[in-house]
Structures are given as structure tokens and as C-alpha cells.
Protein backbone atom coordinates (compact mmCIF):
# COMPACT_ATOMS: atom_id res chain seq x y z
CA MET A 1 54.18 -2.66 106.08
CA GLN A 2 51.86 0.25 104.81
CA PHE A 3 48.30 0.21 103.07
CA ASN A 4 49.87 -0.84 99.51
CA LEU A 5 47.79 -3.24 98.04
CA ALA A 6 50.99 -5.72 96.89
CA ASP A 7 52.16 -5.43 100.64
CA LEU A 8 48.22 -6.96 101.08
CA TRP A 9 48.18 -9.14 99.14
CA GLU A 10 51.61 -10.79 99.55
CA ARG A 11 50.53 -10.87 103.94
CA VAL A 12 47.57 -12.65 102.48
CA SER A 13 49.03 -15.16 100.06
CA ASP A 14 51.54 -15.96 103.08
CA THR A 15 49.32 -16.58 105.96
CA VAL A 16 47.01 -18.72 103.49
CA PRO A 17 48.90 -20.35 100.66
CA ASP A 18 47.35 -23.60 100.35
CA HIS A 19 43.55 -21.69 100.03
CA LEU A 20 42.07 -21.70 96.19
CA ALA A 21 42.46 -18.16 95.02
CA LEU A 22 41.24 -18.34 91.31
CA VAL A 23 39.09 -20.78 89.45
CA CYS A 24 38.51 -20.18 85.77
CA GLY A 25 37.71 -22.93 83.73
CA PRO A 26 40.04 -26.35 84.03
CA ARG A 27 42.77 -23.49 85.75
CA ARG A 28 42.46 -24.06 89.91
CA LEU A 29 45.19 -21.54 91.30
CA SER A 30 46.24 -21.81 95.53
CA TYR A 31 47.63 -18.31 97.10
CA ALA A 32 50.45 -19.47 96.51
CA GLU A 33 50.28 -20.30 93.18
CA VAL A 34 48.69 -16.89 92.07
CA ASP A 35 51.63 -15.17 93.95
CA ASP A 36 54.37 -16.91 92.01
CA ARG A 37 52.96 -16.32 88.82
CA ALA A 38 52.83 -12.52 89.71
CA THR A 39 56.12 -12.59 91.28
CA ARG A 40 57.56 -13.80 87.58
CA LEU A 41 55.25 -12.04 85.51
CA ALA A 42 56.70 -8.86 87.68
CA HIS A 43 60.11 -9.90 86.50
CA VAL A 44 58.94 -10.18 82.70
CA LEU A 45 57.89 -6.45 82.34
CA ALA A 46 61.13 -5.03 85.41
CA ASP A 47 63.33 -7.19 82.34
CA ARG A 48 61.72 -5.08 79.78
CA GLY A 49 62.10 -1.38 81.54
CA VAL A 50 58.54 -1.63 83.23
CA GLY A 51 58.93 0.12 87.13
CA PRO A 52 57.61 2.35 89.33
CA GLY A 53 54.87 4.84 88.04
CA ASP A 54 55.43 3.24 85.04
CA HIS A 55 51.28 1.95 83.45
CA VAL A 56 50.49 -1.52 81.76
CA GLY A 57 47.76 -2.20 79.86
CA CYS A 58 45.61 -4.95 80.81
CA TYR A 59 43.95 -5.87 76.92
CA LEU A 60 41.96 -8.67 78.01
CA GLY A 61 39.31 -10.67 78.94
CA ASN A 62 37.91 -12.09 82.04
CA GLY A 63 40.55 -14.61 83.78
CA THR A 64 43.37 -14.99 85.90
CA GLU A 65 45.53 -13.52 84.12
CA TYR A 66 44.06 -10.29 84.30
CA LEU A 67 44.55 -10.08 88.19
CA GLU A 68 47.74 -11.59 87.86
CA THR A 69 48.75 -8.26 85.72
CA MET A 70 47.33 -6.37 88.24
CA LEU A 71 48.82 -7.66 90.95
CA ALA A 72 52.72 -8.15 88.79
CA ALA A 73 52.33 -4.04 88.61
CA PHE A 74 51.82 -3.45 91.81
CA LYS A 75 54.36 -5.72 92.91
CA LEU A 76 56.76 -2.93 90.96
CA ARG A 77 54.43 -0.64 92.10
CA ALA A 78 53.43 0.46 88.15
CA VAL A 79 50.22 0.79 86.99
CA PRO A 80 47.78 -1.59 85.88
CA VAL A 81 45.21 0.12 83.14
CA ASN A 82 41.99 -1.19 82.60
CA VAL A 83 41.64 -1.24 78.96
CA ASN A 84 38.19 -1.72 77.22
CA TYR A 85 38.73 -4.86 74.78
CA ARG A 86 35.33 -3.40 72.53
CA TYR A 87 37.27 -0.22 71.92
CA VAL A 88 38.06 0.30 67.92
CA GLU A 89 41.34 0.94 66.66
CA ASP A 90 40.43 5.22 67.17
CA GLU A 91 39.13 4.64 70.70
CA LEU A 92 42.34 2.86 71.40
CA ARG A 93 44.68 4.54 70.08
CA TYR A 94 43.48 7.39 72.57
CA LEU A 95 43.43 5.54 75.12
CA PHE A 96 46.99 4.34 74.86
CA ASP A 97 48.09 7.52 74.31
CA ASP A 98 46.57 9.08 77.13
CA ALA A 99 47.35 6.74 79.82
CA GLU A 100 51.10 6.84 78.34
CA LEU A 101 51.53 2.82 78.18
CA ARG A 102 54.52 1.58 78.60
CA ALA A 103 53.75 -1.51 78.02
CA VAL A 104 50.70 -4.01 77.50
CA VAL A 105 49.45 -8.02 78.56
CA PHE A 106 46.71 -8.52 75.49
CA ASP A 107 45.01 -11.80 74.50
CA ARG A 108 45.84 -13.04 71.18
CA GLU A 109 43.00 -11.71 69.61
CA PHE A 110 43.75 -8.23 69.88
CA GLY A 111 47.39 -8.80 67.94
CA PRO A 112 46.27 -7.44 64.96
CA LYS A 113 44.39 -4.28 65.96
CA LEU A 114 47.32 -3.74 68.23
CA ALA A 115 49.85 -3.97 65.63
CA ARG A 116 47.72 -1.76 63.49
CA ILE A 117 48.58 1.27 66.00
CA ALA A 118 51.36 0.65 67.68
CA GLY A 119 53.33 2.55 65.39
CA THR A 120 51.78 5.56 66.34
CA LEU A 121 52.78 4.93 70.15
CA PRO A 122 56.85 5.12 70.81
CA ALA A 123 56.24 4.95 74.23
CA LEU A 124 54.58 1.37 73.64
CA THR A 125 57.53 -0.70 74.01
CA THR A 126 56.92 -4.33 75.59
CA TYR A 127 53.91 -6.34 74.97
CA VAL A 128 53.07 -9.77 76.11
CA ALA A 129 50.43 -12.15 74.53
CA VAL A 130 48.63 -14.17 76.54
CA ASP A 131 46.85 -17.97 74.62
CA ASP A 132 43.75 -16.67 74.51
CA GLY A 133 42.43 -19.91 72.79
CA SER A 134 41.36 -18.18 69.53
CA ARG A 135 44.61 -19.67 67.94
CA ALA A 136 44.88 -15.85 65.75
CA PRO A 137 48.47 -15.50 64.92
CA VAL A 138 50.19 -12.28 66.93
CA PRO A 139 51.55 -10.20 64.21
CA GLY A 140 55.69 -10.42 64.31
CA ALA A 141 56.46 -6.28 63.90
CA LEU A 142 55.24 -6.05 67.84
CA GLY A 143 57.92 -8.15 68.79
CA ALA A 144 55.42 -10.04 71.56
CA LEU A 145 56.40 -12.36 74.66
CA ASP A 146 53.99 -15.53 75.34
CA TYR A 147 52.91 -15.13 78.70
CA GLU A 148 53.11 -18.41 79.65
CA ALA A 149 56.68 -18.78 78.61
CA GLY A 150 58.01 -15.86 79.69
CA LEU A 151 56.62 -17.00 83.25
CA ARG A 152 58.61 -20.42 83.45
CA ALA A 153 61.17 -19.12 82.13
CA ALA A 154 61.26 -15.60 84.84
CA ARG A 155 62.18 -15.76 88.32
CA PRO A 156 60.54 -16.44 91.26
CA GLY A 157 61.91 -14.88 94.49
CA ARG A 158 59.99 -11.64 95.35
CA ASP A 159 63.11 -8.74 95.41
CA PHE A 160 61.32 -6.05 94.59
CA PRO A 161 62.16 -2.85 96.38
CA ALA A 162 60.00 -1.32 99.07
CA ARG A 163 56.29 0.04 98.80
CA SER A 164 54.34 2.93 99.41
CA ALA A 165 50.32 3.59 100.84
CA ASP A 166 51.16 6.45 97.92
CA ASP A 167 51.43 4.04 95.23
CA LEU A 168 48.46 4.45 92.67
CA TYR A 169 45.82 2.57 91.10
CA LEU A 170 44.38 4.34 88.13
CA LEU A 171 40.61 3.13 86.76
CA TYR A 172 39.82 4.39 83.30
CA THR A 173 35.33 5.01 82.93
CA GLY A 174 33.68 6.14 79.74
CA GLY A 175 30.92 7.32 82.23
CA THR A 176 27.61 7.98 79.93
CA THR A 177 29.73 11.09 77.44
CA GLY A 178 32.62 12.40 76.32
CA ARG A 179 36.28 10.52 76.47
CA PRO A 180 37.24 8.09 78.52
CA LYS A 181 39.32 9.73 81.72
CA GLY A 182 41.52 7.58 84.16
CA VAL A 183 40.46 8.23 87.96
CA MET A 184 43.43 8.27 90.26
CA TRP A 185 43.53 6.74 93.45
CA ARG A 186 46.16 5.89 95.91
CA HIS A 187 47.05 2.23 97.12
CA GLU A 188 45.75 3.06 101.02
CA ASP A 189 42.35 5.14 99.46
CA VAL A 190 40.98 2.58 97.25
CA PHE A 191 41.66 -0.05 99.96
CA PHE A 192 39.30 1.37 102.56
CA GLY A 193 36.77 2.76 99.94
CA ALA A 194 36.82 0.11 97.37
CA MET A 195 38.04 -2.85 97.93
CA GLY A 196 37.07 -3.97 101.87
CA GLY A 197 39.24 -2.02 103.69
CA ALA A 198 36.53 -0.41 105.99
CA ALA A 199 34.28 -3.51 106.15
CA GLY A 200 34.83 -7.12 105.94
CA GLY A 201 32.56 -8.84 108.03
CA GLY A 202 34.14 -6.72 111.42
CA ALA A 203 35.21 -3.74 112.28
CA PRO A 204 38.22 -1.74 110.09
CA ILE A 205 41.49 -2.80 109.94
CA ARG A 206 43.88 -0.09 111.60
CA ARG A 207 47.27 -1.56 110.77
CA PRO A 208 47.64 -3.44 107.39
CA GLU A 209 49.40 -6.31 109.61
CA GLU A 210 46.09 -7.23 110.34
CA ILE A 211 44.92 -8.37 107.47
CA ALA A 212 46.33 -11.33 108.27
CA ASP A 213 43.36 -12.24 111.04
CA ARG A 214 40.38 -11.86 108.60
CA CYS A 215 41.92 -14.38 105.89
CA ARG A 216 41.96 -17.22 108.20
CA GLU A 217 38.57 -18.78 107.15
CA PRO A 218 37.87 -18.13 103.86
CA ARG A 219 33.93 -17.87 103.96
CA THR A 220 33.39 -16.11 100.63
CA ARG A 221 33.11 -17.58 96.97
CA CYS A 222 32.25 -14.70 94.78
CA VAL A 223 31.45 -15.13 91.19
CA PRO A 224 31.68 -11.17 89.29
CA ALA A 225 29.84 -11.59 85.97
CA CYS A 226 30.61 -8.04 84.80
CA PRO A 227 34.15 -7.79 83.41
CA PHE A 228 37.45 -6.97 84.35
CA MET A 229 38.09 -3.84 82.76
CA HIS A 230 35.20 -2.38 84.93
CA GLY A 231 35.56 -1.30 88.21
CA THR A 232 32.94 -3.41 90.05
CA ALA A 233 35.04 -6.56 89.12
CA HIS A 234 38.40 -5.36 90.18
CA TRP A 235 37.28 -4.39 93.57
CA MET A 236 34.83 -7.26 94.39
CA ALA A 237 37.87 -10.07 93.58
CA PHE A 238 40.50 -7.60 95.29
CA SER A 239 37.37 -7.81 98.16
CA VAL A 240 36.95 -11.40 98.54
CA LEU A 241 41.28 -11.85 98.06
CA PHE A 242 41.90 -9.56 101.17
CA THR A 243 39.49 -12.12 102.97
CA GLY A 244 40.73 -15.21 102.00
CA GLY A 245 38.44 -16.20 99.40
CA THR A 246 37.62 -17.12 95.82
CA VAL A 247 37.46 -15.64 93.07
CA VAL A 248 35.53 -17.92 90.40
CA ILE A 249 36.45 -16.28 86.75
CA PRO A 250 33.22 -17.15 84.25
CA ARG A 251 35.21 -17.86 80.57
CA GLY A 252 33.73 -15.76 77.57
CA ARG A 253 33.00 -12.21 76.74
CA ARG A 254 29.36 -12.87 76.61
CA LEU A 255 27.08 -13.22 79.25
CA ASP A 256 25.76 -16.46 79.27
CA PRO A 257 22.82 -16.84 81.62
CA VAL A 258 22.75 -20.59 82.01
CA GLY A 259 26.44 -20.86 81.50
CA LEU A 260 26.23 -18.49 84.80
CA TRP A 261 23.88 -20.10 86.81
CA ARG A 262 25.40 -23.47 86.33
CA LEU A 263 28.81 -22.44 87.63
CA VAL A 264 27.39 -20.86 90.66
CA ALA A 265 25.91 -23.72 90.86
CA ARG A 266 28.86 -26.06 90.55
CA GLU A 267 31.26 -23.91 92.00
CA HIS A 268 28.69 -23.82 95.33
CA ALA A 269 29.10 -19.60 94.86
CA ASN A 270 27.64 -17.62 97.41
CA PHE A 271 28.39 -14.52 96.17
CA LEU A 272 27.18 -13.37 92.70
CA VAL A 273 27.98 -10.00 91.31
CA VAL A 274 26.44 -8.36 88.31
CA VAL A 275 25.51 -4.69 86.79
CA GLY A 276 22.44 -3.61 87.03
CA ASP A 277 19.29 -5.38 84.73
CA ALA A 278 21.23 -5.72 81.89
CA PHE A 279 22.91 -8.58 83.26
CA ALA A 280 20.07 -9.37 86.40
CA ARG A 281 16.96 -9.75 84.46
CA PRO A 282 18.31 -12.64 81.73
CA LEU A 283 19.24 -14.10 85.12
CA VAL A 284 16.40 -14.30 86.22
CA ASP A 285 14.55 -15.43 82.69
CA ALA A 286 17.41 -18.15 82.86
CA LEU A 287 15.85 -19.56 86.09
CA ASP A 288 12.55 -20.19 84.79
CA SER A 289 14.26 -22.33 81.36
CA PRO A 290 14.43 -26.00 81.93
CA GLU A 291 18.18 -25.60 81.17
CA CYS A 292 18.41 -24.42 84.55
CA GLU A 293 15.76 -26.69 85.95
CA GLY A 294 16.95 -28.97 88.99
CA LEU A 295 20.10 -26.97 89.74
CA ASP A 296 21.23 -26.27 93.25
CA LEU A 297 21.16 -22.58 93.79
CA SER A 298 20.63 -22.82 97.69
CA GLY A 299 24.22 -22.21 98.59
CA LEU A 300 24.27 -18.77 96.91
CA ARG A 301 23.43 -16.22 99.33
CA VAL A 302 23.98 -12.32 98.19
CA LEU A 303 23.72 -10.78 94.69
CA LEU A 304 25.27 -7.57 94.37
CA SER A 305 24.05 -5.39 91.27
CA GLY A 306 27.57 -2.34 91.44
CA GLY A 307 27.48 -0.14 88.34
CA ALA A 308 23.70 0.05 87.52
CA ILE A 309 20.77 -0.35 89.84
CA LEU A 310 18.53 -2.90 90.00
CA SER A 311 14.98 -1.77 88.82
CA PRO A 312 12.14 -3.13 91.61
CA ALA A 313 10.35 -5.45 89.55
CA VAL A 314 14.07 -7.69 89.06
CA LYS A 315 14.85 -7.44 92.52
CA HIS A 316 11.22 -8.65 93.54
CA ALA A 317 11.63 -11.46 90.98
CA LEU A 318 14.64 -12.38 92.04
CA VAL A 319 14.27 -12.87 95.37
CA GLN A 320 10.65 -14.51 94.70
CA ARG A 321 12.69 -17.31 92.60
CA LEU A 322 15.60 -17.88 95.47
CA PRO A 323 13.56 -16.92 98.71
CA SER A 324 17.09 -17.50 100.52
CA LEU A 325 18.87 -14.60 98.70
CA LEU A 326 19.84 -10.76 99.77
CA VAL A 327 19.73 -9.16 96.42
CA VAL A 328 21.84 -5.89 97.54
CA ASP A 329 21.98 -2.79 94.86
CA GLY A 330 25.40 -1.10 96.07
CA TYR A 331 25.55 2.30 94.97
CA GLY A 332 29.09 3.93 93.79
CA ALA A 333 31.27 5.56 91.30
CA SER A 334 34.57 5.47 90.15
CA GLU A 335 35.45 8.51 91.84
CA THR A 336 33.68 7.75 94.64
CA GLY A 337 34.03 4.10 96.02
CA GLY A 338 31.29 2.61 97.95
CA GLN A 339 28.95 4.74 99.36
CA GLY A 340 25.61 3.37 100.18
CA GLN A 341 23.31 -0.24 99.67
CA ALA A 342 19.55 -0.79 99.24
CA VAL A 343 18.95 -4.74 100.49
CA THR A 344 15.81 -6.88 99.59
CA VAL A 345 14.56 -9.66 101.16
CA ALA A 346 11.72 -11.89 100.06
CA GLY A 347 8.71 -10.71 101.78
CA GLY A 348 10.20 -7.22 102.11
CA ARG A 349 9.35 -4.50 100.90
CA VAL A 350 11.32 -3.62 97.94
CA GLU A 351 13.11 0.47 97.45
CA ALA A 352 13.71 1.64 93.83
CA SER A 353 16.22 4.49 94.02
CA ARG A 354 16.87 4.64 98.05
CA PHE A 355 20.37 3.45 99.47
CA ARG A 356 22.07 3.64 103.62
CA VAL A 357 24.81 5.59 102.79
CA ASN A 358 28.27 6.18 104.72
CA GLU A 359 28.99 8.61 107.38
CA ASP A 360 31.54 9.84 104.85
CA THR A 361 28.41 9.91 102.00
CA ALA A 362 26.39 13.34 102.29
CA VAL A 363 23.99 15.34 100.09
CA LEU A 364 25.70 18.82 99.32
CA GLY A 365 23.47 22.01 97.71
CA ALA A 366 24.80 24.56 95.56
CA ASP A 367 27.29 25.77 97.64
CA LEU A 368 28.81 22.48 98.10
CA ARG A 369 28.06 22.31 101.88
CA PRO A 370 25.36 19.98 103.69
CA ALA A 371 21.77 20.02 101.72
CA PRO A 372 19.02 19.85 103.96
CA VAL A 373 16.20 17.34 103.96
CA GLY A 374 14.25 16.71 100.88
CA VAL A 375 15.93 19.37 98.83
CA VAL A 376 17.54 18.11 95.86
CA GLY A 377 21.33 18.04 95.86
CA LEU A 378 24.58 16.71 95.07
CA LEU A 379 25.88 13.25 96.42
CA ALA A 380 29.20 13.51 97.32
CA ARG A 381 32.48 11.90 99.41
CA ARG A 382 34.44 12.59 101.99
CA GLY A 383 37.32 10.60 103.21
CA HIS A 384 39.07 8.11 101.43
CA VAL A 385 38.52 9.71 97.67
CA PRO A 386 40.78 9.91 94.64
CA LEU A 387 43.24 12.11 94.25
CA GLY A 388 41.72 12.92 90.87
CA TYR A 389 41.62 12.68 87.03
CA PHE A 390 44.90 11.95 85.47
CA LYS A 391 46.16 15.14 83.30
CA ASP A 392 43.17 16.54 83.76
CA PRO A 393 44.10 19.20 86.66
CA VAL A 394 40.83 21.46 85.20
CA LYS A 395 37.94 18.45 85.27
CA THR A 396 39.76 17.32 88.71
CA ALA A 397 39.02 20.50 90.50
CA GLU A 398 35.32 20.15 89.39
CA THR A 399 34.81 16.64 90.64
CA PHE A 400 37.47 16.87 93.72
CA PRO A 401 36.63 20.32 94.95
CA VAL A 402 37.37 21.16 98.91
CA VAL A 403 35.20 22.82 101.46
CA ASP A 404 36.48 24.68 104.31
CA GLY A 405 39.30 22.03 104.53
CA VAL A 406 37.73 19.48 103.38
CA ARG A 407 38.19 17.37 99.73
CA TRP A 408 35.07 15.77 98.17
CA ALA A 409 34.49 13.83 95.36
CA VAL A 410 31.15 15.36 93.18
CA PRO A 411 30.68 12.86 90.08
CA GLY A 412 27.38 14.83 89.19
CA ASP A 413 25.05 12.32 90.83
CA HIS A 414 21.83 14.13 92.21
CA ALA A 415 19.95 13.00 95.06
CA VAL A 416 17.56 13.36 98.16
CA LEU A 417 18.52 13.21 101.61
CA GLU A 418 15.40 11.77 103.95
CA ALA A 419 14.71 12.22 106.80
CA ASP A 420 15.65 8.67 108.58
CA GLY A 421 19.05 9.59 106.72
CA THR A 422 18.79 7.48 103.47
CA ILE A 423 19.22 9.40 100.66
CA THR A 424 17.20 8.81 96.74
CA LEU A 425 19.38 9.01 94.27
CA LEU A 426 17.56 10.75 91.22
CA GLY A 427 20.54 10.04 89.26
CA ARG A 428 23.54 11.92 86.55
CA GLY A 429 22.54 15.41 86.15
CA SER A 430 24.07 15.57 82.88
CA VAL A 431 21.71 12.92 81.84
CA SER A 432 18.88 14.55 83.12
CA ILE A 433 16.27 15.86 81.16
CA ASN A 434 13.87 19.20 81.91
CA THR A 435 10.93 19.06 80.01
CA GLY A 436 8.18 22.49 81.30
CA GLY A 437 10.70 23.35 83.22
CA GLU A 438 10.83 20.40 85.46
CA LYS A 439 13.42 17.96 85.65
CA VAL A 440 13.09 14.50 85.07
CA TYR A 441 15.50 11.72 85.93
CA PRO A 442 15.61 8.81 83.38
CA GLU A 443 16.47 5.85 86.13
CA GLU A 444 13.65 6.87 87.75
CA VAL A 445 10.79 6.18 84.15
CA GLU A 446 13.20 3.12 83.27
CA ALA A 447 12.80 2.02 86.89
CA VAL A 448 8.81 2.04 85.85
CA LEU A 449 8.96 0.73 82.29
CA LYS A 450 10.88 -2.09 83.00
CA SER A 451 8.26 -3.71 85.36
CA HIS A 452 5.55 -3.88 82.27
CA ALA A 453 4.55 -7.34 81.48
CA SER A 454 6.01 -6.53 78.05
CA VAL A 455 9.23 -4.72 78.49
CA PHE A 456 12.59 -7.08 78.40
CA ASP A 457 14.79 -3.73 78.69
CA ALA A 458 14.35 0.55 78.15
CA VAL A 459 16.05 3.36 78.46
CA VAL A 460 14.75 6.94 78.28
CA VAL A 461 16.13 10.42 76.78
CA GLY A 462 15.42 14.04 76.18
CA VAL A 463 14.85 15.43 72.63
CA ALA A 464 14.51 19.06 71.68
CA ASP A 465 10.50 20.15 72.05
CA ASP A 466 9.81 23.40 70.68
CA ARG A 467 6.80 23.75 73.13
CA TRP A 468 8.55 21.69 76.26
CA GLY A 469 12.23 22.55 75.48
CA GLU A 470 12.51 18.55 76.19
CA ARG A 471 10.27 15.71 75.75
CA VAL A 472 10.46 12.38 77.43
CA VAL A 473 11.15 9.51 74.50
CA ALA A 474 11.03 5.81 75.72
CA ILE A 475 13.45 4.08 73.67
CA VAL A 476 12.17 -0.15 74.67
CA ALA A 477 13.26 -3.45 73.45
CA PRO A 478 9.94 -5.45 74.30
CA ARG A 479 9.99 -9.49 75.40
CA ASP A 480 9.63 -12.06 72.68
CA GLY A 481 6.03 -11.43 70.57
CA HIS A 482 5.35 -8.25 72.81
CA ARG A 483 4.62 -5.45 71.55
CA PRO A 484 3.76 -2.81 73.88
CA THR A 485 2.19 0.48 72.49
CA LEU A 486 2.39 4.36 73.88
CA GLY A 487 -0.55 4.52 75.11
CA GLU A 488 -0.08 1.47 76.97
CA LEU A 489 3.31 2.20 78.50
CA GLN A 490 1.65 4.97 79.58
CA ALA A 491 -1.02 4.11 81.44
CA HIS A 492 1.81 1.90 83.50
CA ALA A 493 3.34 4.71 84.18
CA ARG A 494 1.38 7.13 85.16
CA ALA A 495 0.16 4.93 88.32
CA CYS A 496 3.93 5.46 89.46
CA LEU A 497 5.03 9.02 88.09
CA ALA A 498 4.28 12.42 87.53
CA GLY A 499 2.52 13.36 84.29
CA TYR A 500 5.46 15.15 83.12
CA LYS A 501 7.77 12.05 84.02
CA VAL A 502 5.52 9.82 81.11
CA PRO A 503 6.89 9.19 77.86
CA ARG A 504 5.32 11.25 75.23
CA ASP A 505 7.20 9.04 72.42
CA LEU A 506 7.79 5.76 72.04
CA VAL A 507 11.14 3.32 70.16
CA LEU A 508 10.73 0.03 69.93
CA VAL A 509 14.21 -1.53 69.17
CA ASP A 510 15.33 -5.46 69.22
CA GLU A 511 18.11 -4.34 71.53
CA ILE A 512 19.32 -1.71 74.10
CA ALA A 513 22.63 -0.55 73.70
CA ARG A 514 24.86 -0.59 76.27
CA SER A 515 28.30 -0.94 77.58
CA PRO A 516 30.05 -3.95 79.02
CA SER A 517 29.05 -3.32 82.31
CA GLY A 518 25.81 -2.69 81.86
CA LYS A 519 25.10 1.01 81.44
CA PRO A 520 22.87 2.01 78.99
CA ASP A 521 24.35 3.84 76.18
CA TYR A 522 22.42 7.24 76.21
CA ARG A 523 23.95 9.25 72.99
CA TRP A 524 23.14 6.29 70.97
CA ALA A 525 19.42 6.32 72.54
CA ARG A 526 19.68 9.91 71.91
CA ALA A 527 20.53 9.67 68.13
CA VAL A 528 17.73 6.68 67.94
CA ALA A 529 15.37 8.89 69.79
CA GLU A 530 15.84 11.54 67.49
CA ASP A 531 15.56 9.50 64.13
CA ARG A 532 12.64 7.31 64.81
CA GLY A 533 11.36 8.70 67.36
CA ALA A 534 8.81 11.66 66.22
CA PRO A 535 5.24 11.54 67.00
């Protein structure tokens, strides 16, 4: 047995076959049932020519089928590929071509869009349609197999060849700018770097067989509120499954804050995963609504944000309303896995962007050697890191440099090492603002703006300025019934920020554009600021 994701999963499912693995709506599947469904789907794909190294698209909303498809691919030594279901046809065509998809498992709703691009993708020969309740007709030109019919007809036995710790996990990430790119991980590295192999409530696993000892007593009932098409949800779901816990999957493709709290209460979930304020702020507001009155949320112990940092105001509001809750900001990236955490509890200090990091994380200077305390540098991780970007050796060399024989992942986040060994995260250099020679990191200013009582959401960008090079512009979505002025927000910001960081312009909008994972769309924000942000 190796540190292979399929091997690890099968060892867990054989150890605790009757444990509840997945819940989605009325469907409740044990580990044995999930394994059987994934095994049958693997045979469906194999019978259509999918084998080791082939890429299988997961063009799906959240559901048990998403994780089943990933497991099926892993069983075959194939590679599941996450597909953003919000992409338009040109974006899909680019992704499918770049990822070299051989097969795709898709929700019926997306069939017409697939049919319009299928002719330009000759390598994509296998289509499997999931009944998503949309009643959308599946275009006959695709020759798609019905997912459930295929499972019923497929053989159940595990007759798969031996697997390897070097098998691939591929995660496509859009980042803040540019085309999506695939981050390639070895199974062993992503298990230890992102899927709980280095933690699990005890010492790191030394041998893959030891995973059986961690799963006998299920402790976690986790609700991932974020889409499975993004890494945070993958990582948390598999971290739970590798410890014998239960993943409770919300239905629907839009955040329903009241419905999510009701799901947490109904399923007695003790772990909730969100992505930043885009998820957490509506959840806080919902707690104050009559619809959530009387819900028993006492079993919820941890709320984890991954992929985007929570603002201090939201952290404070969460622990104020749920005093027994542990609010955890998890820091990491598609290129690094999990790197550090900031924990907030009721009555404790609320940190903005200061994290305790693992021993493999460091702040590197311009020479890619450890930076001194107090000096701004690049946050990096060594050890279990990805192989690089799929089909992009130039970007791979830039992001994964080798220094003195040590390979680092350096995706571009700036940080400062503090005297106590923690790091203060400043933000991604690609979206930082240079105003009068001073560098402004949007996340810091956004956190301050979102602590204003009239602000529901905010994003900060820089636009060209004749005097300063760039000036700081705030794009703000106000709370209902409020209309904050630039002067009010400037006065609020000056209490927390140096003067050069205070926004010089303000644009009010109905809603901040964000990706489905909750990350702000800085290209959209910059265009809005340039069009409407003149003084």
C-alpha cells in the first residue's frame, strides 16, 4: 500500500464500511456504498477507454456524484479535473482543451453548453450525464450515458492495477488574473500538504496502513459550504473522509444562509467550511433573522475559512453570537496547500491577518533566502509541494524555484515575519497598489472598510493617477438602507490605517463581483473604478 488517494480511501472504507460517509438531501451513503458507486463508475469509464493518466472533467455542482467521480478517477489512476460551472463557452473550451479532457461527468443542465463546444474537442469522447433535477434534455449528439443507469449496469469488483504515490491530482485555479492553470500534485504530497495527512488530531502518519487507526471513531460531521469545483472543498471533504467522518453536502448552487444554518442544526454538524466574508457575512446576518431563531447550533465547534481571509469584524460577530465556536482562518493556496491558521475565540484577541504557520513555511527575501524579522518578503513553502503547472514549464520555474537544493512553492503572497515566529500576511503582490512609492495591499484596507456599520462588502483597487502613480479606490456594497459617503469611510479608515492607505475615491455598487469560491474579482473592480471612480 502507498500514499495513494484511492488506496487510502479503500483502506478507510474497508475499516469502517458502515459509517455514514456522505449526506446530500435525502441521499445518505455509507462508506461501503460510496466505494461501490465509485468502483462501478470507474468501470464505466474504463470500459470507454479511460485509463492511467487520462483526464476526467467534473462539470458538476455539489453532490455525492462529484466526490464519487474523483474517487472513480483515482481508482483508475486517472486524473479528475475541476470545472468551473460558471464559465461561458469560450472559457470552457479553453479549459477543456488545456486540460486535455478525455471524459466528462456533467450535470444535465450543462448539456446544451457542452454540445455547442463538443465539435472543437475531438479528444473528449466520453460523456456521462447526472440527473440534477433540472429536467434539461441531454443533446443526443453527445452520446451521453446516464450516470445512475451506468452504475446499475457496471460490475462491482475492485479489479484495478496497482497504484502509485506518484499518481496525479490536478487542481485548476483561476487566480486573480489571467487564464486558469492546472496545479499538479503527487498523491502523496497533496495528502500531506492539503488533505489532513500531517494532522488528523494526532501525530503525522508514517505508514499508509496507519490510516485505519484514525478512522475507527468518527468525530467530524463537516458541512463544506463552498463549491467542490474549488480546492478548499476538495481538501476539507477528503480530510474528513480520511478520518472516517461524514461530509454533509448542501444542495443548490447559490449560498442560502438560512438554509445552511438549518442544515447544520438538522445534521448536528460540528464543522462548517466557508470562504471568507463573502460566505461568513451573510451567515452572520442570518443568525439575527427570525428564520434562524430557535435553531440548535450548540454542536457546531469549528468554522473554518479557507481560500479567503475573514475580516476581524466578521470574526468578532461570529464568536459573539456563537460563544462556543472556534473561528479558524486557514491560510494556503492551490500551489502550497495549508500553511497556517489564525484562531479566534469568544473573549479573545481578534487578529486581522496574523498567522501561525507550519515548519515548512517561511518568508523569503528577494534573493529567495529567509528574510529577517520585520522585512517584507514572499511567503513560501517547502516539503510537500506541487510538481508545477500543467504544460507550463516557464511559470513552473518561476513559482517553484530550487534554492540550495530545496524546492519552494512561492505563489506571490507578501508577508512579514514577526519576532514571535508568526507571520503577518499582506496580500498578493499582483494586486498590490503603488501610490506615491508606498505599497498598499487591498486585503488590509478591505478588512477595515468592512468593519464600518454601513458596509456589507468591499473591494479595493488602484487606478492610474497623474500625481501618485496610482490612487486607492474603494468599491463598496452598502447594507440595505445605508449610503456611506467617502468622508465617512475615510474618517473610519484613518483610525486604523496610515494616510496613504486610505481610499481617495469611492464607488457604490449593489453587489461585489466574486468568484464562486468567494474571492474578489479584481479585474471587474478595476474596470468599475476606472469607469465610475473619478473624483
